Structures are given as C-alpha cells and as structure tokens.
Amino acid sequence: MTDHARLLVIESIVPTGNQPHFSKFMDMNMLVLNHGGRERTESEYRSLFHAAGFRLTHSIKTPSPLNLIEGIRIAEGFSLN
C-alpha cells in the first residue's frame, strides 16, 4: 500500500444509545452464529484502525444499514495518544 493510499471498509457501525438499529440485530446474530463475532462502534473501529497503523478519517452513512469507513496510513512516528 502506498503512503497516500486510502483504506475503505464497508461495514455496519453500532450507534451509541439504546435505540433499535439494524446493526444491533446483526451484532446479536454474529455473537450467536459466529462464536463471539460482533459488530463494532465507531470508537472501536477507530481503535482497530490505529492498531493496524491507520487513522480513521471518515465514516459516511449510506441509505443502507452499512457505512463507508475511510482510513489513511499513520505517518512514521505519528501517535494519536
């Protein structure tokens, strides 16, 4: 991956709060059917991206239950902390 490439992930994001949402239904399905699999919140995606050397730059809602999540590579020596 080049230094200026972008990582794009199409995934459902679990919103905060207790309101019903499709991703929360999918989260329960994944937990049961995939032996512990789960959907993630935007904060969890941010942490996951960071652990892989990326910075989450955008999370774009779509008309579907899915989001387009964009990340860029973290520059050498850069820290989010």
N, C-alpha and C. Protein backbone atom coordinates (compact mmCIF):
# COMPACT_ATOMS: atom_id res chain seq x y z
N MET A 1 0.84 -1.16 0.00
CA MET A 1 0.00 0.00 0.00
C MET A 1 0.90 1.24 0.00
N THR A 2 0.64 2.17 -0.88
CA THR A 2 1.46 3.38 -0.94
C THR A 2 1.15 4.30 0.25
N ASP A 3 2.02 5.27 0.48
CA ASP A 3 1.85 6.19 1.61
C ASP A 3 0.56 7.01 1.51
N HIS A 4 0.09 7.26 0.30
CA HIS A 4 -1.08 8.12 0.12
C HIS A 4 -2.36 7.33 -0.19
N ALA A 5 -2.29 6.01 -0.12
CA ALA A 5 -3.47 5.18 -0.39
C ALA A 5 -4.46 5.32 0.76
N ARG A 6 -5.71 5.01 0.48
CA ARG A 6 -6.77 5.04 1.48
C ARG A 6 -7.33 3.63 1.66
N LEU A 7 -7.64 3.30 2.88
CA LEU A 7 -8.28 2.04 3.21
C LEU A 7 -9.77 2.30 3.31
N LEU A 8 -10.57 1.54 2.56
CA LEU A 8 -12.03 1.69 2.61
C LEU A 8 -12.64 0.40 3.12
N VAL A 9 -13.51 0.52 4.10
CA VAL A 9 -14.21 -0.62 4.69
C VAL A 9 -15.70 -0.33 4.62
N ILE A 10 -16.46 -1.28 4.15
CA ILE A 10 -17.92 -1.15 4.12
C ILE A 10 -18.45 -2.07 5.20
N GLU A 11 -19.03 -1.46 6.22
CA GLU A 11 -19.42 -2.23 7.40
C GLU A 11 -20.52 -1.49 8.15
N SER A 12 -21.25 -2.24 8.93
CA SER A 12 -22.28 -1.66 9.80
C SER A 12 -21.60 -1.12 11.06
N ILE A 13 -22.02 0.04 11.53
CA ILE A 13 -21.49 0.63 12.76
C ILE A 13 -22.61 0.67 13.79
N VAL A 14 -22.34 0.14 14.97
CA VAL A 14 -23.32 0.14 16.05
C VAL A 14 -23.37 1.55 16.65
N PRO A 15 -24.54 2.20 16.61
CA PRO A 15 -24.64 3.54 17.21
C PRO A 15 -24.71 3.46 18.73
N THR A 16 -24.37 4.57 19.37
CA THR A 16 -24.48 4.63 20.83
C THR A 16 -25.96 4.76 21.21
N GLY A 17 -26.25 4.52 22.45
CA GLY A 17 -27.63 4.65 22.94
C GLY A 17 -28.39 3.35 22.87
N ASN A 18 -29.63 3.40 23.31
CA ASN A 18 -30.46 2.20 23.40
C ASN A 18 -31.54 2.11 22.33
N GLN A 19 -31.48 2.97 21.33
CA GLN A 19 -32.48 2.94 20.25
C GLN A 19 -32.26 1.70 19.38
N PRO A 20 -33.34 1.08 18.89
CA PRO A 20 -33.19 -0.06 17.98
C PRO A 20 -32.43 0.35 16.72
N HIS A 21 -31.62 -0.55 16.22
CA HIS A 21 -30.85 -0.30 15.00
C HIS A 21 -30.51 -1.66 14.38
N PHE A 22 -30.48 -1.71 13.05
CA PHE A 22 -30.18 -2.96 12.35
C PHE A 22 -28.84 -3.56 12.80
N SER A 23 -27.84 -2.72 13.02
CA SER A 23 -26.52 -3.24 13.40
C SER A 23 -26.56 -3.95 14.75
N LYS A 24 -27.47 -3.55 15.63
CA LYS A 24 -27.59 -4.22 16.93
C LYS A 24 -28.20 -5.61 16.75
N PHE A 25 -29.13 -5.74 15.82
CA PHE A 25 -29.68 -7.06 15.48
C PHE A 25 -28.57 -7.94 14.89
N MET A 26 -27.78 -7.37 13.97
CA MET A 26 -26.68 -8.14 13.37
C MET A 26 -25.63 -8.51 14.41
N ASP A 27 -25.42 -7.64 15.38
CA ASP A 27 -24.47 -7.92 16.46
C ASP A 27 -24.88 -9.18 17.22
N MET A 28 -26.16 -9.29 17.53
CA MET A 28 -26.65 -10.48 18.24
C MET A 28 -26.52 -11.73 17.37
N ASN A 29 -26.83 -11.61 16.07
CA ASN A 29 -26.67 -12.74 15.17
C ASN A 29 -25.22 -13.21 15.11
N MET A 30 -24.31 -12.27 14.97
CA MET A 30 -22.89 -12.63 14.88
C MET A 30 -22.40 -13.27 16.17
N LEU A 31 -22.86 -12.76 17.30
CA LEU A 31 -22.46 -13.32 18.58
C LEU A 31 -22.87 -14.79 18.69
N VAL A 32 -24.08 -15.09 18.26
CA VAL A 32 -24.61 -16.45 18.37
C VAL A 32 -24.08 -17.37 17.26
N LEU A 33 -24.11 -16.89 16.02
CA LEU A 33 -23.78 -17.75 14.87
C LEU A 33 -22.29 -17.85 14.57
N ASN A 34 -21.51 -16.87 14.99
CA ASN A 34 -20.09 -16.86 14.66
C ASN A 34 -19.20 -17.00 15.89
N HIS A 35 -19.73 -17.61 16.91
CA HIS A 35 -18.96 -17.91 18.13
C HIS A 35 -18.18 -16.70 18.64
N GLY A 36 -18.89 -15.62 18.90
CA GLY A 36 -18.27 -14.46 19.50
C GLY A 36 -18.01 -13.31 18.55
N GLY A 37 -18.36 -13.48 17.26
CA GLY A 37 -18.21 -12.38 16.32
C GLY A 37 -19.11 -11.23 16.73
N ARG A 38 -18.79 -10.01 16.28
CA ARG A 38 -19.61 -8.88 16.69
C ARG A 38 -19.45 -7.72 15.73
N GLU A 39 -20.41 -6.83 15.77
CA GLU A 39 -20.33 -5.55 15.07
C GLU A 39 -19.61 -4.59 16.02
N ARG A 40 -19.11 -3.48 15.48
CA ARG A 40 -18.34 -2.54 16.28
C ARG A 40 -18.92 -1.13 16.23
N THR A 41 -18.61 -0.36 17.27
CA THR A 41 -18.95 1.06 17.30
C THR A 41 -17.88 1.82 16.52
N GLU A 42 -18.15 3.09 16.23
CA GLU A 42 -17.14 3.90 15.53
C GLU A 42 -15.86 4.01 16.35
N SER A 43 -15.99 4.14 17.64
CA SER A 43 -14.82 4.21 18.52
C SER A 43 -13.99 2.93 18.45
N GLU A 44 -14.67 1.78 18.39
CA GLU A 44 -13.95 0.50 18.28
C GLU A 44 -13.25 0.39 16.93
N TYR A 45 -13.89 0.89 15.86
CA TYR A 45 -13.23 0.90 14.55
C TYR A 45 -12.01 1.81 14.59
N ARG A 46 -12.14 2.96 15.25
CA ARG A 46 -11.01 3.90 15.37
C ARG A 46 -9.82 3.20 16.03
N SER A 47 -10.07 2.47 17.12
CA SER A 47 -9.01 1.74 17.82
C SER A 47 -8.43 0.63 16.96
N LEU A 48 -9.30 -0.08 16.25
CA LEU A 48 -8.85 -1.17 15.37
C LEU A 48 -7.98 -0.62 14.25
N PHE A 49 -8.40 0.46 13.64
CA PHE A 49 -7.61 1.08 12.59
C PHE A 49 -6.25 1.50 13.14
N HIS A 50 -6.24 2.15 14.30
CA HIS A 50 -4.99 2.62 14.89
C HIS A 50 -4.04 1.46 15.17
N ALA A 51 -4.57 0.37 15.69
CA ALA A 51 -3.73 -0.81 15.98
C ALA A 51 -3.11 -1.38 14.71
N ALA A 52 -3.77 -1.16 13.57
CA ALA A 52 -3.27 -1.67 12.29
C ALA A 52 -2.43 -0.62 11.55
N GLY A 53 -2.19 0.55 12.18
CA GLY A 53 -1.36 1.57 11.57
C GLY A 53 -2.12 2.56 10.70
N PHE A 54 -3.41 2.71 10.95
CA PHE A 54 -4.24 3.63 10.17
C PHE A 54 -4.94 4.62 11.09
N ARG A 55 -5.37 5.73 10.52
CA ARG A 55 -6.19 6.70 11.24
C ARG A 55 -7.53 6.77 10.53
N LEU A 56 -8.61 6.55 11.28
CA LEU A 56 -9.95 6.64 10.71
C LEU A 56 -10.22 8.12 10.41
N THR A 57 -10.50 8.43 9.14
CA THR A 57 -10.69 9.81 8.73
C THR A 57 -12.15 10.17 8.48
N HIS A 58 -12.94 9.23 8.01
CA HIS A 58 -14.34 9.49 7.71
C HIS A 58 -15.18 8.24 7.97
N SER A 59 -16.39 8.47 8.39
CA SER A 59 -17.40 7.42 8.48
C SER A 59 -18.65 8.00 7.82
N ILE A 60 -19.00 7.45 6.68
CA ILE A 60 -20.08 8.02 5.88
C ILE A 60 -21.28 7.08 5.92
N LYS A 61 -22.42 7.59 6.38
CA LYS A 61 -23.65 6.80 6.37
C LYS A 61 -24.14 6.67 4.94
N THR A 62 -24.73 5.54 4.64
CA THR A 62 -25.31 5.29 3.33
C THR A 62 -26.81 5.07 3.51
N PRO A 63 -27.57 5.01 2.42
CA PRO A 63 -29.01 4.72 2.55
C PRO A 63 -29.28 3.30 3.10
N SER A 64 -28.29 2.45 3.04
CA SER A 64 -28.42 1.08 3.56
C SER A 64 -27.98 1.07 5.02
N PRO A 65 -28.03 -0.08 5.69
CA PRO A 65 -27.54 -0.16 7.08
C PRO A 65 -26.01 -0.11 7.18
N LEU A 66 -25.33 0.00 6.05
CA LEU A 66 -23.87 -0.03 6.04
C LEU A 66 -23.28 1.37 5.98
N ASN A 67 -22.06 1.49 6.47
CA ASN A 67 -21.31 2.74 6.41
C ASN A 67 -20.07 2.53 5.55
N LEU A 68 -19.57 3.60 4.98
CA LEU A 68 -18.29 3.58 4.30
C LEU A 68 -17.30 4.21 5.27
N ILE A 69 -16.31 3.43 5.67
CA ILE A 69 -15.33 3.87 6.66
C ILE A 69 -14.00 4.04 5.95
N GLU A 70 -13.40 5.23 6.08
CA GLU A 70 -12.16 5.53 5.38
C GLU A 70 -11.03 5.71 6.39
N GLY A 71 -9.88 5.17 6.05
CA GLY A 71 -8.69 5.36 6.87
C GLY A 71 -7.49 5.65 6.01
N ILE A 72 -6.52 6.35 6.59
CA ILE A 72 -5.25 6.59 5.92
C ILE A 72 -4.13 6.05 6.80
N ARG A 73 -3.01 5.75 6.16
CA ARG A 73 -1.86 5.25 6.92
C ARG A 73 -1.34 6.32 7.86
N ILE A 74 -0.92 5.90 9.03
CA ILE A 74 -0.34 6.81 10.01
C ILE A 74 1.12 7.02 9.62
N ALA A 75 1.53 8.28 9.56
CA ALA A 75 2.92 8.60 9.20
C ALA A 75 3.87 8.02 10.23
N GLU A 76 5.05 7.67 9.80
CA GLU A 76 6.09 7.13 10.68
C GLU A 76 6.32 8.08 11.84
N GLY A 77 6.26 7.57 13.06
CA GLY A 77 6.50 8.38 14.25
C GLY A 77 5.28 9.14 14.73
N PHE A 78 4.15 9.02 14.04
CA PHE A 78 2.93 9.72 14.43
C PHE A 78 2.22 8.93 15.51
N SER A 79 1.64 9.60 16.48
CA SER A 79 0.89 8.93 17.54
C SER A 79 -0.43 9.67 17.78
N LEU A 80 -1.52 8.91 17.97
CA LEU A 80 -2.81 9.51 18.27
C LEU A 80 -2.98 9.77 19.76
N ASN A 81 -2.06 9.32 20.57
CA ASN A 81 -2.19 9.50 22.04
C ASN A 81 -1.62 10.81 22.47
